[in-house]
Amino acid sequence: MSVSFVALLRGINLGAKNKVEMKSLKALFEDLGYENVRTYIQTGNVIFDNIVYDVLQLEHALRETYGFDIPVTVRSKAELEEIQQHPIFLKDQVYVMFLENEISDDQQTLLDSLIDDEFVVWHRRNVIISLSKNYHQTKFTNAFF
């Protein structure tokens, strides 16, 4: 039985940089054996079904096809639904950052000490943030992690 996943490709289609056509991206995933592949506009988000996935295989195939490194993060449909059920989503400005690895206890202690008017939840490999200010004014951007 296959499972639905979302592959989040970072750093593509940003203005004129790192252009990736969604039609060729879809074909690449299909050539790698993934099923029911679809892309979401020009975001680099790829939805697919399979029993398993291999991030290293995906990143290697993307590098070979497009000529530049494209970091990939994958989440299952079940993981995304679990995140969406978190009570923090009752607030107005909520953002989720998807990390490759879980935050260590030492990192969490450091991050906890930096929180002021932001509410941050570490949920496995995901950081869920509720902000009282604009996202670009927070300390907790992707660059922080």
Protein backbone atom coordinates (compact mmCIF):
# COMPACT_ATOMS: atom_id res chain seq x y z
CA MET A 1 0.00 0.00 0.00
CA SER A 2 1.48 3.33 -1.00
CA VAL A 3 1.61 6.47 1.13
CA SER A 4 1.23 10.09 0.01
CA PHE A 5 4.25 12.35 0.48
CA VAL A 6 5.18 15.95 -0.27
CA ALA A 7 8.73 16.72 -1.39
CA LEU A 8 9.63 20.34 -0.64
CA LEU A 9 12.42 21.57 -2.91
CA ARG A 10 14.31 24.58 -1.56
CA GLY A 11 15.72 27.44 -3.57
CA ILE A 12 14.19 26.87 -7.00
CA ASN A 13 12.34 29.30 -9.27
CA LEU A 14 13.43 32.36 -7.30
CA GLY A 15 13.20 35.05 -9.93
CA ALA A 16 15.57 34.13 -12.74
CA LYS A 17 17.68 31.83 -10.54
CA ASN A 18 17.57 28.05 -10.40
CA LYS A 19 14.75 27.58 -12.88
CA VAL A 20 13.04 24.21 -12.82
CA GLU A 21 10.11 23.50 -15.12
CA MET A 22 7.34 21.66 -13.30
CA LYS A 23 6.63 19.37 -16.27
CA SER A 24 10.23 18.10 -16.28
CA LEU A 25 10.24 17.85 -12.47
CA LYS A 26 7.12 15.69 -12.58
CA ALA A 27 8.72 13.49 -15.27
CA LEU A 28 11.89 13.12 -13.18
CA PHE A 29 9.93 11.84 -10.17
CA GLU A 30 8.00 9.45 -12.42
CA ASP A 31 11.26 8.19 -13.97
CA LEU A 32 12.50 7.46 -10.43
CA GLY A 33 9.47 5.21 -9.90
CA TYR A 34 7.25 7.47 -7.82
CA GLU A 35 3.52 7.18 -8.50
CA ASN A 36 0.65 9.64 -8.89
CA VAL A 37 3.14 12.54 -9.18
CA ARG A 38 1.83 16.09 -9.30
CA THR A 39 3.41 19.48 -8.74
CA TYR A 40 2.01 22.61 -7.17
CA ILE A 41 2.33 25.71 -9.38
CA GLN A 42 6.00 26.83 -9.62
CA THR A 43 6.82 26.21 -5.95
CA GLY A 44 8.89 23.08 -6.30
CA ASN A 45 6.48 21.19 -4.09
CA VAL A 46 5.94 17.70 -5.47
CA ILE A 47 3.19 15.42 -4.24
CA PHE A 48 3.66 11.72 -4.89
CA ASP A 49 2.65 8.28 -3.71
CA ASN A 50 5.04 5.45 -2.93
CA ILE A 51 5.86 2.94 -0.23
CA VAL A 52 9.19 4.62 0.58
CA TYR A 53 11.28 7.53 -0.64
CA ASP A 54 15.00 8.27 -0.77
CA VAL A 55 16.03 11.91 -0.24
CA LEU A 56 19.63 11.27 -1.30
CA GLN A 57 18.44 9.66 -4.53
CA LEU A 58 16.14 12.62 -5.18
CA GLU A 59 18.86 15.20 -4.50
CA HIS A 60 21.35 13.32 -6.71
CA ALA A 61 18.85 13.04 -9.58
CA LEU A 62 17.96 16.73 -9.27
CA ARG A 63 21.65 17.74 -9.33
CA GLU A 64 22.30 15.54 -12.38
CA THR A 65 19.23 16.86 -14.21
CA TYR A 66 19.38 20.57 -13.41
CA GLY A 67 23.07 21.14 -12.71
CA PHE A 68 22.79 22.64 -9.23
CA ASP A 69 22.13 21.40 -5.70
CA ILE A 70 18.50 21.37 -4.61
CA PRO A 71 17.92 20.50 -0.94
CA VAL A 72 14.86 18.28 -0.48
CA THR A 73 12.71 17.79 2.61
CA VAL A 74 9.94 15.18 2.56
CA ARG A 75 6.90 14.88 4.79
CA SER A 76 4.12 12.32 4.66
CA LYS A 77 0.50 13.34 4.37
CA ALA A 78 -0.02 11.97 7.90
CA GLU A 79 2.81 14.16 9.28
CA LEU A 80 1.36 17.27 7.63
CA GLU A 81 -2.11 16.48 8.96
CA GLU A 82 -0.67 16.01 12.47
CA ILE A 83 1.05 19.41 12.28
CA GLN A 84 -2.14 21.04 11.05
CA GLN A 85 -4.05 19.71 14.08
CA HIS A 86 -1.76 21.52 16.55
CA PRO A 87 -3.71 24.06 18.67
CA ILE A 88 -1.29 26.82 17.68
CA PHE A 89 -3.14 27.02 14.36
CA LEU A 90 -6.00 28.77 16.17
CA LYS A 91 -3.78 31.87 16.19
CA ASP A 92 -3.54 34.38 13.31
CA GLN A 93 0.05 34.38 12.03
CA VAL A 94 1.37 30.84 12.07
CA TYR A 95 4.36 29.59 10.09
CA VAL A 96 5.92 26.15 9.81
CA MET A 97 9.55 25.44 8.99
CA PHE A 98 10.43 21.92 7.92
CA LEU A 99 13.87 20.81 9.12
CA GLU A 100 15.89 17.81 8.03
CA ASN A 101 16.83 16.78 11.58
CA GLU A 102 15.23 17.08 14.98
CA ILE A 103 16.49 19.89 17.18
CA SER A 104 18.80 18.66 19.95
CA ASP A 105 18.07 19.33 23.63
CA ASP A 106 20.95 21.85 23.75
CA GLN A 107 19.64 23.68 20.69
CA GLN A 108 16.14 23.75 22.16
CA THR A 109 17.45 25.21 25.44
CA LEU A 110 19.25 27.96 23.51
CA LEU A 111 16.21 28.68 21.37
CA ASP A 112 13.89 28.75 24.38
CA SER A 113 16.09 31.44 25.93
CA LEU A 114 15.70 33.64 22.83
CA ILE A 115 11.90 33.62 22.68
CA ASP A 116 10.23 36.90 23.59
CA ASP A 117 6.81 37.65 22.12
CA GLU A 118 6.90 34.73 19.72
CA PHE A 119 5.37 31.39 20.51
CA VAL A 120 7.48 28.56 19.15
CA VAL A 121 6.74 24.86 19.18
CA TRP A 122 9.26 22.22 18.21
CA HIS A 123 7.40 19.26 16.84
CA ARG A 124 9.87 16.57 15.82
CA ARG A 125 11.56 17.93 12.68
CA ASN A 126 9.22 20.89 12.39
CA VAL A 127 9.23 24.34 13.93
CA ILE A 128 5.81 25.92 14.31
CA ILE A 129 5.81 29.65 15.08
CA SER A 130 3.03 32.01 16.04
CA LEU A 131 4.14 35.62 15.62
CA SER A 132 2.92 38.91 16.98
CA LYS A 133 4.97 40.69 14.29
CA ASN A 134 5.88 40.31 10.64
CA TYR A 135 7.70 37.08 9.71
CA HIS A 136 10.67 39.05 8.36
CA GLN A 137 11.13 40.70 11.78
CA THR A 138 11.45 37.45 13.71
CA LYS A 139 14.70 35.82 14.81
CA PHE A 140 13.33 32.43 13.79
CA THR A 141 13.67 32.46 10.02
CA ASN A 142 15.02 29.60 7.91
CA ALA A 143 18.45 31.25 8.12
CA PHE A 144 18.44 30.72 11.90
CA PHE A 145 18.15 26.97 11.50
